[in-house]
Amino acid sequence: MVEEILKQVKQGSLSIEDAKKQIATYENLGFAKIDHHRKNRQGFPEIVFGEGKTKEQILSIINVIKERGDNVLVTRISKEKADFILQSNSEFVYNETAQVLYWKDATRDNKQRNGYVAIVCAGTSDLRVAEEAAITAEVLGSNIRRFYDVGVAGIHRLFDNIEEIRNANVSVVVAGMEGALPSVVGGLVSHPIIAVPTSIGYGANFQGLSALLTMLNSCASGISVVNIDNGFGGAYNAVLIDQLAQKGELD
């Protein structure tokens, strides 16, 4: 990449200033340093955490990312901030349930993918976290299938979908209350499970702590656990596993 840029400078087809921008590993906006080389290092461009940032800061950041031709994903962003950004970026999509704003360049996403990530959600109250996981996985390049409201309180609903869940490359299992669903799914499938505890539940749930501990103490093998309400983190890990699975199939 660097060699090609230097050739263009030598030929006069690229200015020194533009070459410096392309070679730079990050761009300093004063309040943020945008990591342009993250995609080269990790396979995905930088993802924006919207909570705690002003709408103007988010807009500046995503404009820089999009200018580079990278997909844009903003998590934990309120509707008010999203509406502000949509005024000048109408091509973006906002999912209010997930509190996620995103844009994906469909013209570049033409890879053939085998398999999918299963997003399994215990109850409707857990949808915010499950949808954050689902959209994250899609924007990062995985096929997904949703299996919602299949918690252990009505376990027959899970059994009605278990064959399709078994065929996934990896599952992200989201649950609050006592957090038992990942253990149940873990005893029924042969692929990795990323368990995501949510803060949904009554007092003794301790805002997700009891669900987290249940998942960490699971007797089912093959379960890894991310932080409370971290649908993004669960999906990110699931996509990495999904990519390895697809690479293995191609090999």
C-alpha atoms as a PDB file:
ATOM      1  CA  MET A   1       0.000   0.000   0.000  1.00  0.00           C
ATOM      2  CA  VAL A   2       2.717   2.505   1.005  1.00  0.00           C
ATOM      3  CA  GLU A   3       4.780   1.661  -2.075  1.00  0.00           C
ATOM      4  CA  GLU A   4       1.794   2.306  -4.342  1.00  0.00           C
ATOM      5  CA  ILE A   5       1.141   5.674  -2.682  1.00  0.00           C
ATOM      6  CA  LEU A   6       4.794   6.691  -3.117  1.00  0.00           C
ATOM      7  CA  LYS A   7       4.652   5.721  -6.798  1.00  0.00           C
ATOM      8  CA  GLN A   8       1.614   7.955  -7.274  1.00  0.00           C
ATOM      9  CA  VAL A   9       3.441  10.863  -5.616  1.00  0.00           C
ATOM     10  CA  LYS A  10       6.450  10.317  -7.877  1.00  0.00           C
ATOM     11  CA  GLN A  11       4.203  10.238 -10.941  1.00  0.00           C
ATOM     12  CA  GLY A  12       2.462  13.406  -9.836  1.00  0.00           C
ATOM     13  CA  SER A  13      -0.986  11.792  -9.657  1.00  0.00           C
ATOM     14  CA  LEU A  14      -1.152  12.220  -5.874  1.00  0.00           C
ATOM     15  CA  SER A  15      -0.195  15.286  -3.859  1.00  0.00           C
ATOM     16  CA  ILE A  16       2.145  15.046  -0.898  1.00  0.00           C
ATOM     17  CA  GLU A  17      -0.652  16.287   1.378  1.00  0.00           C
ATOM     18  CA  ASP A  18      -3.064  13.583   0.208  1.00  0.00           C
ATOM     19  CA  ALA A  19      -0.332  10.967   0.494  1.00  0.00           C
ATOM     20  CA  LYS A  20       0.301  11.970   4.107  1.00  0.00           C
ATOM     21  CA  LYS A  21      -3.393  11.517   4.872  1.00  0.00           C
ATOM     22  CA  GLN A  22      -3.444   8.034   3.351  1.00  0.00           C
ATOM     23  CA  ILE A  23      -0.290   6.892   5.133  1.00  0.00           C
ATOM     24  CA  ALA A  24      -1.272   8.339   8.529  1.00  0.00           C
ATOM     25  CA  THR A  25      -2.251   5.658  11.036  1.00  0.00           C
ATOM     26  CA  TYR A  26      -4.783   7.947  12.703  1.00  0.00           C
ATOM     27  CA  GLU A  27      -6.467  11.292  12.230  1.00  0.00           C
ATOM     28  CA  ASN A  28      -6.463  13.787  15.090  1.00  0.00           C
ATOM     29  CA  LEU A  29      -9.761  15.674  15.471  1.00  0.00           C
ATOM     30  CA  GLY A  30      -8.677  17.279  18.735  1.00  0.00           C
ATOM     31  CA  PHE A  31     -11.300  15.524  20.861  1.00  0.00           C
ATOM     32  CA  ALA A  32     -10.709  12.133  19.207  1.00  0.00           C
ATOM     33  CA  LYS A  33      -8.037  10.284  17.248  1.00  0.00           C
ATOM     34  CA  ILE A  34      -9.628   8.165  14.525  1.00  0.00           C
ATOM     35  CA  ASP A  35      -7.739   4.888  14.104  1.00  0.00           C
ATOM     36  CA  HIS A  36      -7.580   4.411  10.328  1.00  0.00           C
ATOM     37  CA  HIS A  37      -5.341   1.342  10.487  1.00  0.00           C
ATOM     38  CA  ARG A  38      -7.597  -0.682  12.775  1.00  0.00           C
ATOM     39  CA  LYS A  39      -9.155  -2.386   9.756  1.00  0.00           C
ATOM     40  CA  ASN A  40      -5.681  -3.458   8.586  1.00  0.00           C
ATOM     41  CA  ARG A  41      -4.788  -4.813  12.028  1.00  0.00           C
ATOM     42  CA  GLN A  42      -8.069  -6.378  13.096  1.00  0.00           C
ATOM     43  CA  GLY A  43     -10.212  -6.711   9.998  1.00  0.00           C
ATOM     44  CA  PHE A  44     -12.850  -4.171  11.057  1.00  0.00           C
ATOM     45  CA  PRO A  45     -12.839  -0.359  11.035  1.00  0.00           C
ATOM     46  CA  GLU A  46     -13.158   1.617  14.254  1.00  0.00           C
ATOM     47  CA  ILE A  47     -16.589   1.408  15.893  1.00  0.00           C
ATOM     48  CA  VAL A  48     -18.038   4.402  17.716  1.00  0.00           C
ATOM     49  CA  PHE A  49     -19.445   4.199  21.247  1.00  0.00           C
ATOM     50  CA  GLY A  50     -22.078   6.946  21.249  1.00  0.00           C
ATOM     51  CA  GLU A  51     -22.752   7.231  24.958  1.00  0.00           C
ATOM     52  CA  GLY A  52     -20.955  10.204  26.510  1.00  0.00           C
ATOM     53  CA  LYS A  53     -20.172  11.858  23.179  1.00  0.00           C
ATOM     54  CA  THR A  54     -22.018  14.909  21.890  1.00  0.00           C
ATOM     55  CA  LYS A  55     -24.001  14.659  18.661  1.00  0.00           C
ATOM     56  CA  GLU A  56     -21.530  17.031  16.993  1.00  0.00           C
ATOM     57  CA  GLN A  57     -18.574  14.867  18.018  1.00  0.00           C
ATOM     58  CA  ILE A  58     -20.255  11.722  16.712  1.00  0.00           C
ATOM     59  CA  LEU A  59     -21.067  13.430  13.406  1.00  0.00           C
ATOM     60  CA  SER A  60     -17.453  14.541  12.942  1.00  0.00           C
ATOM     61  CA  ILE A  61     -16.139  11.057  13.704  1.00  0.00           C
ATOM     62  CA  ILE A  62     -18.480   9.163  11.389  1.00  0.00           C
ATOM     63  CA  ASN A  63     -17.903  11.597   8.528  1.00  0.00           C
ATOM     64  CA  VAL A  64     -14.175  10.866   8.718  1.00  0.00           C
ATOM     65  CA  ILE A  65     -14.746   7.086   8.831  1.00  0.00           C
ATOM     66  CA  LYS A  66     -17.171   7.145   5.919  1.00  0.00           C
ATOM     67  CA  GLU A  67     -14.857   9.306   3.810  1.00  0.00           C
ATOM     68  CA  ARG A  68     -12.377   6.429   3.956  1.00  0.00           C
ATOM     69  CA  GLY A  69     -15.003   4.088   2.492  1.00  0.00           C
ATOM     70  CA  ASP A  70     -15.442   2.100   5.701  1.00  0.00           C
ATOM     71  CA  ASN A  71     -18.734   0.886   7.115  1.00  0.00           C
ATOM     72  CA  VAL A  72     -19.984   2.936  10.061  1.00  0.00           C
ATOM     73  CA  LEU A  73     -21.396   1.542  13.301  1.00  0.00           C
ATOM     74  CA  VAL A  74     -22.366   3.684  16.309  1.00  0.00           C
ATOM     75  CA  THR A  75     -23.588   1.884  19.427  1.00  0.00           C
ATOM     76  CA  ARG A  76     -25.419   3.264  22.480  1.00  0.00           C
ATOM     77  CA  ILE A  77     -26.677   6.347  20.667  1.00  0.00           C
ATOM     78  CA  SER A  78     -29.893   8.077  21.684  1.00  0.00           C
ATOM     79  CA  LYS A  79     -32.681   8.902  19.246  1.00  0.00           C
ATOM     80  CA  GLU A  80     -32.059  12.603  19.687  1.00  0.00           C
ATOM     81  CA  LYS A  81     -28.406  12.274  18.626  1.00  0.00           C
ATOM     82  CA  ALA A  82     -29.329   9.900  15.802  1.00  0.00           C
ATOM     83  CA  ASP A  83     -31.987  12.277  14.431  1.00  0.00           C
ATOM     84  CA  PHE A  84     -29.402  15.065  14.349  1.00  0.00           C
ATOM     85  CA  ILE A  85     -26.999  12.912  12.323  1.00  0.00           C
ATOM     86  CA  LEU A  86     -29.731  11.650   9.973  1.00  0.00           C
ATOM     87  CA  GLN A  87     -30.463  15.237   8.912  1.00  0.00           C
ATOM     88  CA  SER A  88     -27.177  15.289   6.980  1.00  0.00           C
ATOM     89  CA  ASN A  89     -26.745  11.530   6.473  1.00  0.00           C
ATOM     90  CA  SER A  90     -30.137  10.259   5.345  1.00  0.00           C
ATOM     91  CA  GLU A  91     -28.579   7.035   4.028  1.00  0.00           C
ATOM     92  CA  PHE A  92     -27.814   5.929   7.580  1.00  0.00           C
ATOM     93  CA  VAL A  93     -30.193   3.620   9.442  1.00  0.00           C
ATOM     94  CA  TYR A  94     -31.176   4.013  13.081  1.00  0.00           C
ATOM     95  CA  ASN A  95     -32.538   1.099  15.102  1.00  0.00           C
ATOM     96  CA  GLU A  96     -34.222   2.628  18.123  1.00  0.00           C
ATOM     97  CA  THR A  97     -34.621  -0.701  19.933  1.00  0.00           C
ATOM     98  CA  ALA A  98     -30.891  -1.426  19.735  1.00  0.00           C
ATOM     99  CA  GLN A  99     -29.846   2.242  20.009  1.00  0.00           C
ATOM    100  CA  VAL A 100     -27.574   1.620  17.044  1.00  0.00           C
ATOM    101  CA  LEU A 101     -26.893   3.865  14.046  1.00  0.00           C
ATOM    102  CA  TYR A 102     -25.158   2.359  11.035  1.00  0.00           C
ATOM    103  CA  TRP A 103     -24.265   2.623   7.373  1.00  0.00           C
ATOM    104  CA  LYS A 104     -22.993  -0.211   5.222  1.00  0.00           C
ATOM    105  CA  ASP A 105     -21.556   0.098   1.730  1.00  0.00           C
ATOM    106  CA  ALA A 106     -23.629  -2.505  -0.107  1.00  0.00           C
ATOM    107  CA  THR A 107     -21.552  -2.161  -3.281  1.00  0.00           C
ATOM    108  CA  ARG A 108     -18.475  -3.542  -1.495  1.00  0.00           C
ATOM    109  CA  ASP A 109     -20.234  -6.301   0.395  1.00  0.00           C
ATOM    110  CA  ASN A 110     -20.433  -8.973  -2.299  1.00  0.00           C
ATOM    111  CA  LYS A 111     -18.770 -11.915  -0.580  1.00  0.00           C
ATOM    112  CA  GLN A 112     -20.407 -15.310  -0.626  1.00  0.00           C
ATOM    113  CA  ARG A 113     -20.877 -16.490   2.957  1.00  0.00           C
ATOM    114  CA  ASN A 114     -21.670 -19.926   4.231  1.00  0.00           C
ATOM    115  CA  GLY A 115     -23.468 -20.426   7.511  1.00  0.00           C
ATOM    116  CA  TYR A 116     -24.730 -17.860   9.959  1.00  0.00           C
ATOM    117  CA  VAL A 117     -24.622 -16.531  13.494  1.00  0.00           C
ATOM    118  CA  ALA A 118     -27.657 -17.395  15.615  1.00  0.00           C
ATOM    119  CA  ILE A 119     -28.867 -14.565  17.847  1.00  0.00           C
ATOM    120  CA  VAL A 120     -30.865 -16.280  20.589  1.00  0.00           C
ATOM    121  CA  CYS A 121     -32.844 -14.110  22.998  1.00  0.00           C
ATOM    122  CA  ALA A 122     -34.627 -15.265  26.144  1.00  0.00           C
ATOM    123  CA  GLY A 123     -37.393 -12.649  26.373  1.00  0.00           C
ATOM    124  CA  THR A 124     -38.809  -9.559  24.737  1.00  0.00           C
ATOM    125  CA  SER A 125     -37.337  -7.407  27.531  1.00  0.00           C
ATOM    126  CA  ASP A 126     -33.861  -8.474  26.372  1.00  0.00           C
ATOM    127  CA  LEU A 127     -34.428  -7.254  22.803  1.00  0.00           C
ATOM    128  CA  ARG A 128     -32.322  -4.103  23.120  1.00  0.00           C
ATOM    129  CA  VAL A 129     -29.200  -6.130  23.800  1.00  0.00           C
ATOM    130  CA  ALA A 130     -30.102  -8.868  21.305  1.00  0.00           C
ATOM    131  CA  GLU A 131     -30.692  -6.334  18.531  1.00  0.00           C
ATOM    132  CA  GLU A 132     -27.405  -4.600  19.313  1.00  0.00           C
ATOM    133  CA  ALA A 133     -25.751  -7.986  18.793  1.00  0.00           C
ATOM    134  CA  ALA A 134     -27.709  -8.755  15.627  1.00  0.00           C
ATOM    135  CA  ILE A 135     -26.980  -5.453  13.894  1.00  0.00           C
ATOM    136  CA  THR A 136     -23.329  -5.499  14.946  1.00  0.00           C
ATOM    137  CA  ALA A 137     -22.858  -8.968  13.449  1.00  0.00           C
ATOM    138  CA  GLU A 138     -24.556  -7.918  10.200  1.00  0.00           C
ATOM    139  CA  VAL A 139     -22.529  -4.725   9.809  1.00  0.00           C
ATOM    140  CA  LEU A 140     -19.308  -6.648  10.510  1.00  0.00           C
ATOM    141  CA  GLY A 141     -20.156  -9.053   7.701  1.00  0.00           C
ATOM    142  CA  SER A 142     -21.917 -12.130   9.072  1.00  0.00           C
ATOM    143  CA  ASN A 143     -25.230 -13.626   8.054  1.00  0.00           C
ATOM    144  CA  ILE A 144     -27.530 -13.818  11.055  1.00  0.00           C
ATOM    145  CA  ARG A 145     -30.755 -15.485  12.104  1.00  0.00           C
ATOM    146  CA  ARG A 146     -32.829 -14.294  15.021  1.00  0.00           C
ATOM    147  CA  PHE A 147     -34.476 -16.629  17.554  1.00  0.00           C
ATOM    148  CA  TYR A 148     -36.316 -14.403  19.995  1.00  0.00           C
ATOM    149  CA  ASP A 149     -38.493 -15.053  23.053  1.00  0.00           C
ATOM    150  CA  VAL A 150     -37.288 -18.637  23.527  1.00  0.00           C
ATOM    151  CA  GLY A 151     -36.428 -18.459  27.237  1.00  0.00           C
ATOM    152  CA  VAL A 152     -36.503 -21.334  29.698  1.00  0.00           C
ATOM    153  CA  ALA A 153     -39.889 -20.309  31.148  1.00  0.00           C
ATOM    154  CA  GLY A 154     -41.434 -21.716  27.970  1.00  0.00           C
ATOM    155  CA  ILE A 155     -38.728 -24.105  26.885  1.00  0.00           C
ATOM    156  CA  HIS A 156     -40.894 -25.701  24.180  1.00  0.00           C
ATOM    157  CA  ARG A 157     -40.359 -22.504  22.173  1.00  0.00           C
ATOM    158  CA  LEU A 158     -36.615 -23.177  22.194  1.00  0.00           C
ATOM    159  CA  PHE A 159     -37.103 -26.805  21.159  1.00  0.00           C
ATOM    160  CA  ASP A 160     -39.227 -25.679  18.201  1.00  0.00           C
ATOM    161  CA  ASN A 161     -36.169 -23.788  16.879  1.00  0.00           C
ATOM    162  CA  ILE A 162     -33.294 -25.933  18.103  1.00  0.00           C
ATOM    163  CA  GLU A 163     -32.450 -27.646  14.816  1.00  0.00           C
ATOM    164  CA  GLU A 164     -31.948 -24.316  13.063  1.00  0.00           C
ATOM    165  CA  ILE A 165     -29.887 -23.037  15.991  1.00  0.00           C
ATOM    166  CA  ARG A 166     -27.742 -26.188  15.855  1.00  0.00           C
ATOM    167  CA  ASN A 167     -26.868 -25.445  12.226  1.00  0.00           C
ATOM    168  CA  ALA A 168     -25.300 -22.081  13.095  1.00  0.00           C
ATOM    169  CA  ASN A 169     -21.528 -21.601  13.175  1.00  0.00           C
ATOM    170  CA  VAL A 170     -21.812 -19.838  16.543  1.00  0.00           C
ATOM    171  CA  SER A 171     -24.614 -18.557  18.780  1.00  0.00           C
ATOM    172  CA  VAL A 172     -24.950 -15.369  20.764  1.00  0.00           C
ATOM    173  CA  VAL A 173     -27.347 -16.160  23.625  1.00  0.00           C
ATOM    174  CA  VAL A 174     -28.859 -13.191  25.452  1.00  0.00           C
ATOM    175  CA  ALA A 175     -30.731 -13.570  28.756  1.00  0.00           C
ATOM    176  CA  GLY A 176     -31.612 -11.679  31.910  1.00  0.00           C
ATOM    177  CA  MET A 177     -33.451 -12.757  35.075  1.00  0.00           C
ATOM    178  CA  GLU A 178     -31.542 -15.871  36.251  1.00  0.00           C
ATOM    179  CA  GLY A 179     -29.611 -16.151  32.961  1.00  0.00           C
ATOM    180  CA  ALA A 180     -30.121 -19.896  32.466  1.00  0.00           C
ATOM    181  CA  LEU A 181     -30.689 -19.954  28.699  1.00  0.00           C
ATOM    182  CA  PRO A 182     -27.009 -20.212  27.581  1.00  0.00           C
ATOM    183  CA  SER A 183     -26.539 -23.324  29.739  1.00  0.00           C
ATOM    184  CA  VAL A 184     -29.596 -24.964  28.194  1.00  0.00           C
ATOM    185  CA  VAL A 185     -28.511 -24.106  24.646  1.00  0.00           C
ATOM    186  CA  GLY A 186     -24.953 -25.162  25.503  1.00  0.00           C
ATOM    187  CA  GLY A 187     -26.178 -28.659  26.314  1.00  0.00           C
ATOM    188  CA  LEU A 188     -27.934 -28.962  22.952  1.00  0.00           C
ATOM    189  CA  VAL A 189     -25.477 -27.651  20.338  1.00  0.00           C
ATOM    190  CA  SER A 190     -21.926 -28.479  19.225  1.00  0.00           C
ATOM    191  CA  HIS A 191     -20.703 -24.989  18.323  1.00  0.00           C
ATOM    192  CA  PRO A 192     -19.324 -22.140  20.491  1.00  0.00           C
ATOM    193  CA  ILE A 193     -21.730 -19.978  22.487  1.00  0.00           C
ATOM    194  CA  ILE A 194     -21.181 -16.364  23.468  1.00  0.00           C
ATOM    195  CA  ALA A 195     -23.387 -15.685  26.491  1.00  0.00           C
ATOM    196  CA  VAL A 196     -24.594 -12.137  27.124  1.00  0.00           C
ATOM    197  CA  PRO A 197     -26.223 -11.387  30.504  1.00  0.00           C
ATOM    198  CA  THR A 198     -28.665  -8.491  30.610  1.00  0.00           C
ATOM    199  CA  SER A 199     -29.660  -6.182  33.437  1.00  0.00           C
ATOM    200  CA  ILE A 200     -33.308  -7.243  33.099  1.00  0.00           C
ATOM    201  CA  GLY A 201     -34.774  -8.669  36.301  1.00  0.00           C
ATOM    202  CA  TYR A 202     -36.141  -7.956  39.767  1.00  0.00           C
ATOM    203  CA  GLY A 203     -34.076  -6.822  42.770  1.00  0.00           C
ATOM    204  CA  ALA A 204     -32.127 -10.017  43.391  1.00  0.00           C
ATOM    205  CA  ASN A 205     -31.007  -9.914  39.773  1.00  0.00           C
ATOM    206  CA  PHE A 206     -28.705  -7.085  40.962  1.00  0.00           C
ATOM    207  CA  GLN A 207     -28.920  -5.334  37.567  1.00  0.00           C
ATOM    208  CA  GLY A 208     -27.581  -8.355  35.716  1.00  0.00           C
ATOM    209  CA  LEU A 209     -25.024  -9.581  38.232  1.00  0.00           C
ATOM    210  CA  SER A 210     -26.952 -12.766  39.040  1.00  0.00           C
ATOM    211  CA  ALA A 211     -27.326 -13.583  35.333  1.00  0.00           C
ATOM    212  CA  LEU A 212     -23.611 -12.930  34.820  1.00  0.00           C
ATOM    213  CA  LEU A 213     -22.652 -15.275  37.666  1.00  0.00           C
ATOM    214  CA  THR A 214     -25.030 -17.975  36.413  1.00  0.00           C
ATOM    215  CA  MET A 215     -23.411 -17.866  32.989  1.00  0.00           C
ATOM    216  CA  LEU A 216     -19.887 -17.859  34.414  1.00  0.00           C
ATOM    217  CA  ASN A 217     -20.790 -20.879  36.552  1.00  0.00           C
ATOM    218  CA  SER A 218     -22.434 -22.804  33.717  1.00  0.00           C
ATOM    219  CA  CYS A 219     -21.852 -26.562  33.741  1.00  0.00           C
ATOM    220  CA  ALA A 220     -22.266 -26.669  29.936  1.00  0.00           C
ATOM    221  CA  SER A 221     -19.011 -26.629  27.978  1.00  0.00           C
ATOM    222  CA  GLY A 222     -18.216 -24.262  25.125  1.00  0.00           C
ATOM    223  CA  ILE A 223     -19.696 -21.124  26.708  1.00  0.00           C
ATOM    224  CA  SER A 224     -17.818 -17.822  26.901  1.00  0.00           C
ATOM    225  CA  VAL A 225     -19.342 -14.855  28.705  1.00  0.00           C
ATOM    226  CA  VAL A 226     -19.118 -11.120  27.999  1.00  0.00           C
ATOM    227  CA  ASN A 227     -20.091  -8.215  30.216  1.00  0.00           C
ATOM    228  CA  ILE A 228     -23.621  -7.268  31.263  1.00  0.00           C
ATOM    229  CA  ASP A 229     -25.693  -5.787  28.386  1.00  0.00           C
ATOM    230  CA  ASN A 230     -22.684  -6.049  26.043  1.00  0.00           C
ATOM    231  CA  GLY A 231     -24.468  -7.202  22.893  1.00  0.00           C
ATOM    232  CA  PHE A 232     -21.772  -5.535  20.810  1.00  0.00           C
ATOM    233  CA  GLY A 233     -18.953  -7.479  22.479  1.00  0.00           C
ATOM    234  CA  GLY A 234     -20.820 -10.758  22.137  1.00  0.00           C
ATOM    235  CA  ALA A 235     -21.444 -10.178  18.452  1.00  0.00           C
ATOM    236  CA  TYR A 236     -17.869  -9.079  17.755  1.00  0.00           C
ATOM    237  CA  ASN A 237     -16.484 -12.327  19.154  1.00  0.00           C
ATOM    238  CA  ALA A 238     -19.133 -14.336  17.334  1.00  0.00           C
ATOM    239  CA  VAL A 239     -18.186 -12.748  14.010  1.00  0.00           C
ATOM    240  CA  LEU A 240     -14.523 -13.666  14.532  1.00  0.00           C
ATOM    241  CA  ILE A 241     -15.547 -17.287  15.141  1.00  0.00           C
ATOM    242  CA  ASP A 242     -17.893 -17.194  12.157  1.00  0.00           C
ATOM    243  CA  GLN A 243     -15.092 -15.966   9.907  1.00  0.00           C
ATOM    244  CA  LEU A 244     -12.809 -18.777  11.051  1.00  0.00           C
ATOM    245  CA  ALA A 245     -15.568 -21.293  10.381  1.00  0.00           C
ATOM    246  CA  GLN A 246     -16.105 -19.949   6.879  1.00  0.00           C
ATOM    247  CA  LYS A 247     -12.381 -19.925   6.184  1.00  0.00           C
ATOM    248  CA  GLY A 248     -12.215 -23.571   7.238  1.00  0.00           C
ATOM    249  CA  GLU A 249     -15.032 -24.452   4.854  1.00  0.00           C
ATOM    250  CA  LEU A 250     -13.283 -22.667   1.984  1.00  0.00           C
ATOM    251  CA  ASP A 251      -9.980 -24.408   2.739  1.00  0.00           C
END
